[in-house]
Amino acid sequence: MGSIINISAEYIKKFALSNGTDFVGIASIDRFDGSPEGHHPKDLLKTVRSVIVCGIIVPTGALFAPSTLYHKVIEATHLELDQIAMKVSWEIEKNGGLAVPIPSHAPYYFWDEENQYAMGDLSIRHAAEAAGLGKISKSAIFISKDYGILTRMACVLTDIEIEPDPIADWNPCPEECKLCVNACPVNALQTEKQCTQSICRKNLFSFTLGGVKVEDCRECIKACPWVLKRKGNKVNQECVRTFNIGSIENQSNTPKKVIISTLGPAGTCSEQASLFYINKNNYAGEVVLYSSFEEAVLALKESKSDYVIIPSAYQNIASIIFQEKCHIEIHDVFKLATPSLVIAGKGKDKEVKKIATHASPSSLAKEYYPNAELIISKSNSNSAEMLIANEVDACITTMNCAIKYSLDIIHDFGAIAMGWNVLKRKS
């Protein structure tokens, strides 16, 4: 190598941007104090002085494409980033420095088999935060203020001291927002800024008919309004809008207070949809659960609630709308996938003579166990309760309930796209 020269932040950023990166930031090594043992930049390059973080955006359309296409886009994004990191490293070493490119994804050394927990050799999202590029969200995914949540990044370590960028001083997630938490089909986001990987991984991947493993679930990303943020791009936001990013950036200090009545007990798809609707509209809301949708409608009529939320799959919704036409009306309709619906049991090999199911997904039970007696429950959560009470041999319930009650998963039908009707009293 030649003699070391002073590479400026402006020079290295301009080089990275001209070679395909969309955004770039620089962190000084002192910002990594407190890194886990074995995962500090100095564990990877003893003479490191600066960490360069390069990021590129992921095409928004891929988020709504089939899992095979989404997986390939993410794979191509990682390959592109690794090439960018290599080019930046070569440029530094041409100028006399030492550089180590850190891959955007795999391989990594650390793996805890029991807890299905992985840590990269260097946490790139924490490096990006240290480089002033954005913040880590409640879902533990990095968010760029300019480019949103659909990004991927790679790093370069160098022994050249380069002027660092200021650390970002803003919060991407309002305190009351739980859209990602509520959207997770397996309830893996219960601790802020941490994802329980052992739970997430059960639903993250799927397999093609040919046996190829692909990254599938991305519900927490779809639910996040930051998916709409894309500097310099004219994305068709109506295609991806769950609600406007302005509702996060310009929240009212006095959110509307509402009470929503819907089907219980705790853990139903209807409860999750109601919580989603509250967060979607930035309400200061409360969800009150009833033993039937009819009771929830009665509470609405008696002014005990402001709205009632009922899924389009409920077999009696037409009767409710027509019979109560003088008292209630449809206020809104929205789309939200259910958590993964599963057949759960106590042991996978047990003979199933009786299976509990709510009326709406009962065809799934009949399809899987054509000779079993169907026991109609009040809700998917109630089905799980009936199994726990040994009233049945299996049940149709949600993945959330199966995990909550430590039930065995016999078959996973996946999430079901669903329309949800919001009813209100007539004026």
Protein backbone atom coordinates (compact mmCIF):
# COMPACT_ATOMS: atom_id res chain seq x y z
CA MET A 1 0.00 0.00 0.00
CA GLY A 2 1.01 3.60 -0.49
CA SER A 3 1.29 6.20 2.24
CA ILE A 4 -1.88 6.95 4.15
CA ILE A 5 -3.60 10.18 3.12
CA ASN A 6 -6.48 12.06 4.63
CA ILE A 7 -9.72 10.90 2.99
CA SER A 8 -12.48 13.42 3.64
CA ALA A 9 -16.07 12.56 4.49
CA GLU A 10 -17.18 14.47 1.42
CA TYR A 11 -14.87 12.44 -0.83
CA ILE A 12 -15.91 9.00 0.45
CA LYS A 13 -19.62 9.89 0.44
CA LYS A 14 -19.44 11.17 -3.12
CA PHE A 15 -17.65 7.99 -4.17
CA ALA A 16 -20.24 5.74 -2.47
CA LEU A 17 -23.18 7.66 -3.98
CA SER A 18 -21.65 7.49 -7.45
CA ASN A 19 -21.32 3.72 -7.08
CA GLY A 20 -24.94 2.91 -6.32
CA THR A 21 -25.66 3.70 -2.70
CA ASP A 22 -28.73 5.87 -1.95
CA PHE A 23 -27.54 7.19 1.40
CA VAL A 24 -24.32 7.04 3.40
CA GLY A 25 -23.19 8.03 6.88
CA ILE A 26 -20.05 7.84 8.99
CA ALA A 27 -19.64 6.91 12.66
CA SER A 28 -16.59 7.36 14.88
CA ILE A 29 -15.39 4.32 16.80
CA ASP A 30 -16.19 5.80 20.22
CA ARG A 31 -19.91 5.49 19.41
CA PHE A 32 -19.69 1.70 19.69
CA ASP A 33 -18.86 1.59 23.38
CA GLY A 34 -21.13 -0.99 24.99
CA SER A 35 -21.23 -3.31 21.98
CA PRO A 36 -21.59 -7.00 22.92
CA GLU A 37 -18.31 -8.86 23.38
CA GLY A 38 -17.12 -10.19 20.05
CA HIS A 39 -19.33 -7.79 18.08
CA HIS A 40 -17.43 -4.51 18.47
CA PRO A 41 -15.82 -3.11 15.29
CA LYS A 42 -12.42 -3.58 16.95
CA ASP A 43 -13.12 -7.30 17.17
CA LEU A 44 -13.20 -7.28 13.35
CA LEU A 45 -10.42 -4.74 12.66
CA LYS A 46 -8.20 -3.88 15.61
CA THR A 47 -7.04 -0.55 14.11
CA VAL A 48 -10.49 0.68 13.07
CA ARG A 49 -11.18 4.39 13.51
CA SER A 50 -14.28 4.95 11.40
CA VAL A 51 -17.33 2.96 10.29
CA ILE A 52 -18.93 3.85 6.95
CA VAL A 53 -22.55 2.75 6.47
CA CYS A 54 -24.03 2.56 2.97
CA GLY A 55 -27.71 1.98 2.32
CA ILE A 56 -29.97 1.38 -0.66
CA ILE A 57 -33.73 1.38 -0.95
CA VAL A 58 -35.84 -1.70 -1.66
CA PRO A 59 -38.49 -1.32 -4.41
CA THR A 60 -41.80 -0.69 -2.67
CA GLY A 61 -43.73 -2.96 -5.01
CA ALA A 62 -41.75 -5.98 -3.82
CA LEU A 63 -43.41 -5.65 -0.42
CA PHE A 64 -46.76 -6.60 -1.94
CA ALA A 65 -45.45 -9.23 -4.37
CA PRO A 66 -45.53 -13.02 -3.83
CA SER A 67 -42.94 -14.35 -1.39
CA THR A 68 -40.74 -15.78 -4.16
CA LEU A 69 -40.36 -12.35 -5.79
CA TYR A 70 -39.97 -10.53 -2.47
CA HIS A 71 -37.25 -12.95 -1.42
CA LYS A 72 -35.36 -12.51 -4.70
CA VAL A 73 -35.52 -8.71 -4.46
CA ILE A 74 -34.08 -8.80 -0.92
CA GLU A 75 -31.40 -11.25 -2.05
CA ALA A 76 -30.46 -8.97 -4.99
CA THR A 77 -30.38 -5.97 -2.65
CA HIS A 78 -27.90 -7.71 -0.37
CA LEU A 79 -25.68 -8.65 -3.33
CA GLU A 80 -25.71 -5.06 -4.60
CA LEU A 81 -24.78 -3.73 -1.15
CA ASP A 82 -21.92 -6.17 -0.81
CA GLN A 83 -20.54 -4.96 -4.14
CA ILE A 84 -20.84 -1.33 -2.99
CA ALA A 85 -18.99 -2.13 0.25
CA MET A 86 -16.26 -3.85 -1.77
CA LYS A 87 -15.85 -0.85 -4.06
CA VAL A 88 -15.64 1.57 -1.11
CA SER A 89 -13.05 -0.71 0.53
CA TRP A 90 -10.98 -0.84 -2.66
CA GLU A 91 -11.09 2.95 -2.96
CA ILE A 92 -9.87 3.37 0.62
CA GLU A 93 -7.01 0.93 0.12
CA LYS A 94 -6.02 2.57 -3.20
CA ASN A 95 -5.50 5.70 -1.12
CA GLY A 96 -3.32 3.98 1.50
CA GLY A 97 -5.85 2.97 4.13
CA LEU A 98 -6.98 -0.39 5.45
CA ALA A 99 -10.62 -1.45 4.99
CA VAL A 100 -12.87 -4.40 5.82
CA PRO A 101 -16.27 -4.68 4.11
CA ILE A 102 -19.03 -6.05 6.38
CA PRO A 103 -21.68 -8.01 4.44
CA SER A 104 -25.24 -6.76 4.51
CA HIS A 105 -26.64 -10.08 5.68
CA ALA A 106 -24.92 -13.48 5.95
CA PRO A 107 -22.77 -15.27 6.85
CA TYR A 108 -22.35 -14.49 10.55
CA TYR A 109 -20.70 -16.49 13.29
CA PHE A 110 -23.01 -16.29 16.32
CA TRP A 111 -26.00 -18.66 16.52
CA ASP A 112 -27.99 -19.81 19.57
CA GLU A 113 -29.79 -22.97 18.41
CA GLU A 114 -32.00 -23.32 21.49
CA ASN A 115 -33.44 -19.83 21.19
CA GLN A 116 -33.08 -19.61 17.38
CA TYR A 117 -31.18 -16.37 18.00
CA ALA A 118 -28.62 -14.88 15.63
CA MET A 119 -26.32 -11.85 15.86
CA GLY A 120 -24.37 -10.46 12.95
CA ASP A 121 -20.62 -9.99 13.35
CA LEU A 122 -21.52 -6.30 13.55
CA SER A 123 -25.03 -4.97 14.10
CA ILE A 124 -25.55 -2.92 10.95
CA ARG A 125 -28.76 -1.24 12.18
CA HIS A 126 -26.94 -0.03 15.30
CA ALA A 127 -24.03 1.11 13.13
CA ALA A 128 -26.49 3.04 10.94
CA GLU A 129 -27.92 4.72 14.03
CA ALA A 130 -24.39 5.58 15.19
CA ALA A 131 -23.72 7.06 11.72
CA GLY A 132 -26.68 9.43 12.04
CA LEU A 133 -28.73 7.83 9.27
CA GLY A 134 -31.87 7.17 11.31
CA LYS A 135 -33.31 5.31 14.27
CA ILE A 136 -34.29 1.78 15.27
CA SER A 137 -38.06 1.40 15.44
CA LYS A 138 -40.32 -0.42 17.90
CA SER A 139 -40.24 -3.42 15.55
CA ALA A 140 -36.41 -3.45 15.83
CA ILE A 141 -36.15 -2.48 12.14
CA PHE A 142 -34.07 0.53 11.13
CA ILE A 143 -35.92 3.60 9.80
CA SER A 144 -34.33 6.33 7.71
CA LYS A 145 -36.00 9.73 7.98
CA ASP A 146 -35.51 10.28 4.24
CA TYR A 147 -36.02 6.76 2.91
CA GLY A 148 -38.32 5.10 5.42
CA ILE A 149 -38.34 1.48 6.56
CA LEU A 150 -37.74 -0.31 3.22
CA THR A 151 -33.95 -0.14 3.14
CA ARG A 152 -30.96 -2.45 3.51
CA MET A 153 -27.39 -1.52 4.50
CA ALA A 154 -23.78 -2.69 4.57
CA CYS A 155 -20.70 -1.33 6.36
CA VAL A 156 -17.03 -0.68 5.78
CA LEU A 157 -14.52 -0.51 8.63
CA THR A 158 -11.41 1.55 8.06
CA ASP A 159 -8.34 2.63 10.00
CA ILE A 160 -8.59 6.12 8.50
CA GLU A 161 -10.20 8.69 10.78
CA ILE A 162 -13.04 10.35 8.86
CA GLU A 163 -15.25 13.13 10.20
CA PRO A 164 -18.43 11.50 11.63
CA ASP A 165 -21.99 12.62 10.99
CA PRO A 166 -24.15 13.98 13.82
CA ILE A 167 -26.39 11.41 15.49
CA ALA A 168 -30.05 11.77 14.52
CA ASP A 169 -32.24 13.31 17.23
CA TRP A 170 -35.83 12.29 16.47
CA ASN A 171 -38.20 9.43 17.23
CA PRO A 172 -39.80 7.55 14.31
CA CYS A 173 -42.43 5.85 16.50
CA PRO A 174 -45.08 7.77 18.45
CA GLU A 175 -45.44 6.44 21.98
CA GLU A 176 -48.98 5.19 21.42
CA CYS A 177 -48.34 3.59 18.00
CA LYS A 178 -48.45 -0.22 18.03
CA LEU A 179 -49.20 -0.92 14.38
CA CYS A 180 -46.25 -3.27 13.92
CA VAL A 181 -46.89 -4.97 17.26
CA ASN A 182 -50.53 -5.62 16.39
CA ALA A 183 -49.73 -6.68 12.82
CA CYS A 184 -47.30 -9.44 13.84
CA PRO A 185 -49.16 -12.71 13.22
CA VAL A 186 -47.17 -14.59 15.86
CA ASN A 187 -46.93 -11.91 18.56
CA ALA A 188 -43.12 -11.66 18.36
CA LEU A 189 -42.85 -7.91 19.12
CA GLN A 190 -43.75 -7.73 22.80
CA THR A 191 -40.54 -5.99 23.94
CA GLU A 192 -39.85 -2.58 22.41
CA LYS A 193 -37.02 -2.57 19.85
CA GLN A 194 -36.62 -6.34 20.22
CA CYS A 195 -37.97 -9.18 18.14
CA THR A 196 -38.27 -12.61 19.77
CA GLN A 197 -36.48 -14.47 17.01
CA SER A 198 -37.55 -17.94 18.16
CA ILE A 199 -41.17 -16.91 17.59
CA CYS A 200 -40.60 -14.76 14.49
CA ARG A 201 -38.65 -17.45 12.63
CA LYS A 202 -41.59 -19.88 12.86
CA ASN A 203 -43.54 -17.61 10.53
CA LEU A 204 -40.83 -15.70 8.67
CA PHE A 205 -40.05 -18.32 6.04
CA SER A 206 -42.10 -20.52 3.75
CA PHE A 207 -41.23 -23.17 1.16
CA THR A 208 -42.04 -23.37 -2.53
CA LEU A 209 -43.50 -26.55 -3.97
CA GLY A 210 -39.95 -27.42 -5.03
CA GLY A 211 -38.71 -27.12 -1.45
CA VAL A 212 -36.90 -23.76 -1.80
CA LYS A 213 -36.89 -21.73 1.43
CA VAL A 214 -37.99 -18.10 0.90
CA GLU A 215 -38.47 -15.10 3.17
CA ASP A 216 -42.22 -14.66 3.37
CA CYS A 217 -43.71 -12.72 6.28
CA ARG A 218 -43.30 -8.92 6.31
CA GLU A 219 -46.52 -7.87 8.05
CA CYS A 220 -44.77 -5.56 10.52
CA ILE A 221 -43.23 -3.63 7.61
CA LYS A 222 -46.51 -3.45 5.68
CA ALA A 223 -48.25 -2.02 8.74
CA CYS A 224 -45.66 0.73 9.27
CA PRO A 225 -46.55 4.15 7.78
CA TRP A 226 -42.85 4.75 7.13
CA VAL A 227 -43.18 2.40 4.15
CA LEU A 228 -44.61 5.45 2.33
CA LYS A 229 -41.53 7.60 2.93
CA ARG A 230 -39.28 7.60 -0.11
CA LYS A 231 -37.21 10.72 -0.88
CA GLY A 232 -36.98 11.49 -4.58
CA ASN A 233 -39.36 8.71 -5.67
CA LYS A 234 -42.94 9.13 -6.84
CA VAL A 235 -44.48 5.98 -5.40
CA ASN A 236 -48.17 5.31 -6.08
CA GLN A 237 -49.03 5.78 -2.43
CA GLU A 238 -52.69 4.86 -2.89
CA CYS A 239 -51.55 1.31 -3.63
CA VAL A 240 -49.68 0.97 -0.35
CA ARG A 241 -51.41 3.46 1.92
CA THR A 242 -52.72 2.13 5.22
CA PHE A 243 -52.74 5.72 6.40
CA ASN A 244 -50.82 8.87 5.56
CA ILE A 245 -47.33 9.36 6.94
CA GLY A 246 -48.55 12.77 8.08
CA SER A 247 -50.58 11.08 10.77
CA ILE A 248 -47.28 10.10 12.38
CA GLU A 249 -45.33 13.29 11.67
CA ASN A 250 -48.17 15.68 12.56
CA GLN A 251 -50.09 13.92 15.28
CA SER A 252 -52.80 15.79 17.11
CA ASN A 253 -52.12 16.48 20.78
CA THR A 254 -55.75 15.65 21.56
CA PRO A 255 -56.62 12.37 19.84
CA LYS A 256 -60.28 11.45 19.56
CA LYS A 257 -61.50 9.13 22.30
CA VAL A 258 -63.49 6.14 21.07
CA ILE A 259 -64.77 2.83 22.40
CA ILE A 260 -64.98 -0.10 20.00
CA SER A 261 -67.05 -3.17 20.79
CA THR A 262 -66.25 -6.49 19.15
CA LEU A 263 -65.94 -10.23 19.69
CA GLY A 264 -63.98 -11.65 22.63
CA PRO A 265 -62.41 -13.18 24.59
CA ALA A 266 -58.92 -11.66 24.51
CA GLY A 267 -56.80 -12.72 21.55
CA THR A 268 -59.45 -12.82 18.82
CA CYS A 269 -58.77 -11.61 15.30
CA SER A 270 -61.53 -9.06 15.87
CA GLU A 271 -59.72 -7.61 18.88
CA GLN A 272 -56.52 -7.29 16.83
CA ALA A 273 -58.42 -5.61 13.99
CA SER A 274 -60.00 -3.18 16.45
CA LEU A 275 -56.60 -2.27 17.92
CA PHE A 276 -55.26 -1.81 14.39
CA TYR A 277 -58.14 0.54 13.55
CA ILE A 278 -57.55 2.60 16.69
CA ASN A 279 -53.85 3.03 15.88
CA LYS A 280 -54.56 3.62 12.19
CA ASN A 281 -56.70 6.63 13.05
CA ASN A 282 -54.63 7.85 16.02
CA TYR A 283 -57.56 7.43 18.38
CA ALA A 284 -57.25 7.31 22.14
CA GLY A 285 -59.28 4.16 22.05
CA GLU A 286 -60.51 1.27 24.13
CA VAL A 287 -61.68 -2.14 22.92
CA VAL A 288 -64.50 -3.80 24.87
CA LEU A 289 -65.01 -7.51 24.19
CA TYR A 290 -68.34 -9.36 24.09
CA SER A 291 -69.30 -13.00 23.80
CA SER A 292 -70.97 -12.46 20.39
CA PHE A 293 -71.08 -9.87 17.64
CA GLU A 294 -74.79 -9.45 18.33
CA GLU A 295 -74.01 -8.39 21.90
CA ALA A 296 -71.37 -6.00 20.58
CA VAL A 297 -73.98 -4.46 18.24
CA LEU A 298 -76.40 -4.10 21.18
CA ALA A 299 -73.72 -2.20 23.09
CA LEU A 300 -73.41 0.14 20.10
CA LYS A 301 -77.17 0.72 19.98
CA GLU A 302 -77.20 1.45 23.73
CA SER A 303 -74.40 4.03 23.30
CA LYS A 304 -71.94 1.93 25.29
CA SER A 305 -69.54 2.08 22.35
CA ASP A 306 -68.86 4.36 19.38
CA TYR A 307 -68.16 1.65 16.80
CA VAL A 308 -68.48 -2.09 16.38
CA ILE A 309 -66.05 -4.00 14.15
CA ILE A 310 -67.18 -7.20 12.39
CA PRO A 311 -65.29 -9.24 9.76
CA SER A 312 -66.86 -9.73 6.35
CA ALA A 313 -66.49 -13.50 6.86
CA TYR A 314 -69.02 -13.50 9.71
CA GLN A 315 -71.95 -15.48 8.39
CA ASN A 316 -74.62 -13.28 10.05
CA ILE A 317 -73.30 -9.87 9.08
CA ALA A 318 -75.90 -9.38 6.35
CA SER A 319 -78.70 -10.12 8.84
CA ILE A 320 -77.24 -7.61 11.30
CA ILE A 321 -77.02 -4.87 8.66
CA PHE A 322 -80.56 -5.40 7.37
CA GLN A 323 -82.27 -6.02 10.71
CA GLU A 324 -80.62 -3.00 12.33
CA LYS A 325 -80.89 -0.71 9.30
CA CYS A 326 -82.88 1.86 11.29
CA HIS A 327 -80.29 2.05 14.05
CA ILE A 328 -76.81 1.45 12.61
CA GLU A 329 -74.91 1.94 9.36
CA ILE A 330 -71.51 1.15 7.85
CA HIS A 331 -69.05 3.87 8.75
CA ASP A 332 -65.87 2.44 7.24
CA VAL A 333 -64.37 -0.71 5.70
CA PHE A 334 -60.69 -1.67 5.84
CA LYS A 335 -58.50 -4.61 4.88
CA LEU A 336 -56.30 -6.43 7.38
CA ALA A 337 -55.01 -9.98 7.26
CA THR A 338 -55.82 -12.23 10.18
CA PRO A 339 -53.00 -13.76 12.20
CA SER A 340 -52.04 -17.18 10.89
CA LEU A 341 -54.93 -19.60 11.38
CA VAL A 342 -53.82 -23.02 12.57
CA ILE A 343 -55.11 -26.39 13.61
CA ALA A 344 -53.78 -26.89 17.13
CA GLY A 345 -53.87 -29.86 19.45
CA LYS A 346 -52.29 -31.51 22.47
CA GLY A 347 -49.91 -33.80 20.65
CA LYS A 348 -49.67 -34.16 16.88
CA ASP A 349 -50.51 -37.87 16.74
CA LYS A 350 -53.68 -37.84 18.81
CA GLU A 351 -56.84 -39.08 17.07
CA VAL A 352 -59.20 -36.17 16.39
CA LYS A 353 -62.83 -37.04 16.93
CA LYS A 354 -64.00 -33.56 17.91
CA ILE A 355 -62.61 -30.24 16.68
CA ALA A 356 -63.63 -26.82 17.97
CA THR A 357 -63.99 -24.01 15.44
CA HIS A 358 -65.76 -20.72 15.10
CA ALA A 359 -68.42 -20.85 12.38
CA SER A 360 -66.46 -18.59 10.01
CA PRO A 361 -63.41 -20.85 9.44
CA SER A 362 -65.33 -24.11 9.98
CA SER A 363 -64.76 -25.17 6.34
CA LEU A 364 -61.02 -25.37 7.11
CA ALA A 365 -61.72 -27.83 9.90
CA LYS A 366 -64.01 -29.91 7.69
CA GLU A 367 -61.42 -29.92 4.92
CA TYR A 368 -58.65 -31.21 7.21
CA TYR A 369 -60.73 -33.57 9.38
CA PRO A 370 -63.72 -34.59 7.21
CA ASN A 371 -64.88 -37.26 9.69
CA ALA A 372 -64.49 -35.25 12.89
CA GLU A 373 -67.43 -33.73 14.72
CA LEU A 374 -67.41 -29.93 14.47
CA ILE A 375 -68.03 -28.15 17.78
CA ILE A 376 -68.92 -24.54 17.00
CA SER A 377 -67.30 -22.08 19.40
CA LYS A 378 -67.92 -18.40 20.06
CA SER A 379 -64.54 -17.33 18.66
CA ASN A 380 -61.10 -18.58 17.65
CA SER A 381 -59.87 -17.81 21.17
CA ASN A 382 -62.79 -19.73 22.66
CA SER A 383 -61.85 -22.71 20.47
CA ALA A 384 -58.42 -22.79 22.13
CA GLU A 385 -60.05 -22.56 25.55
CA MET A 386 -62.25 -25.57 24.72
CA LEU A 387 -59.14 -27.57 23.79
CA ILE A 388 -57.42 -26.58 27.04
CA ALA A 389 -60.53 -27.74 28.93
CA ASN A 390 -60.32 -31.13 27.11
CA GLU A 391 -63.76 -30.63 25.55
CA VAL A 392 -62.32 -31.36 22.09
CA ASP A 393 -59.29 -33.07 20.56
CA ALA A 394 -58.16 -30.18 18.33
CA CYS A 395 -59.21 -26.68 17.37
CA ILE A 396 -59.01 -24.01 14.70
CA THR A 397 -57.43 -20.98 16.33
CA THR A 398 -54.82 -18.30 15.71
CA MET A 399 -51.08 -18.81 15.92
CA ASN A 400 -51.08 -16.23 18.74
CA CYS A 401 -53.45 -18.35 20.86
CA ALA A 402 -51.58 -21.55 20.07
CA ILE A 403 -48.33 -19.99 21.30
CA LYS A 404 -50.05 -18.45 24.33
CA TYR A 405 -51.40 -21.82 25.47
CA SER A 406 -48.32 -23.85 24.35
CA LEU A 407 -50.39 -25.94 21.93
CA ASP A 408 -48.92 -28.15 19.22
CA ILE A 409 -49.32 -26.85 15.67
CA ILE A 410 -50.80 -29.60 13.50
CA HIS A 411 -51.30 -27.49 10.37
CA ASP A 412 -50.73 -23.82 9.51
CA PHE A 413 -53.15 -22.29 6.99
CA GLY A 414 -51.31 -18.96 7.07
CA ALA A 415 -52.78 -15.47 7.33
CA ILE A 416 -56.12 -14.84 5.63
CA ALA A 417 -56.80 -11.52 3.88
CA MET A 418 -59.96 -10.11 5.43
CA GLY A 419 -62.30 -7.16 5.05
CA TRP A 420 -63.48 -5.52 8.28
CA ASN A 421 -66.71 -3.54 8.63
CA VAL A 422 -66.89 -0.60 11.02
CA LEU A 423 -70.46 0.11 12.08
CA LYS A 424 -71.75 3.19 13.90
CA ARG A 425 -75.09 4.47 15.18
CA LYS A 426 -77.21 6.42 12.76
CA SER A 427 -77.48 10.10 13.56
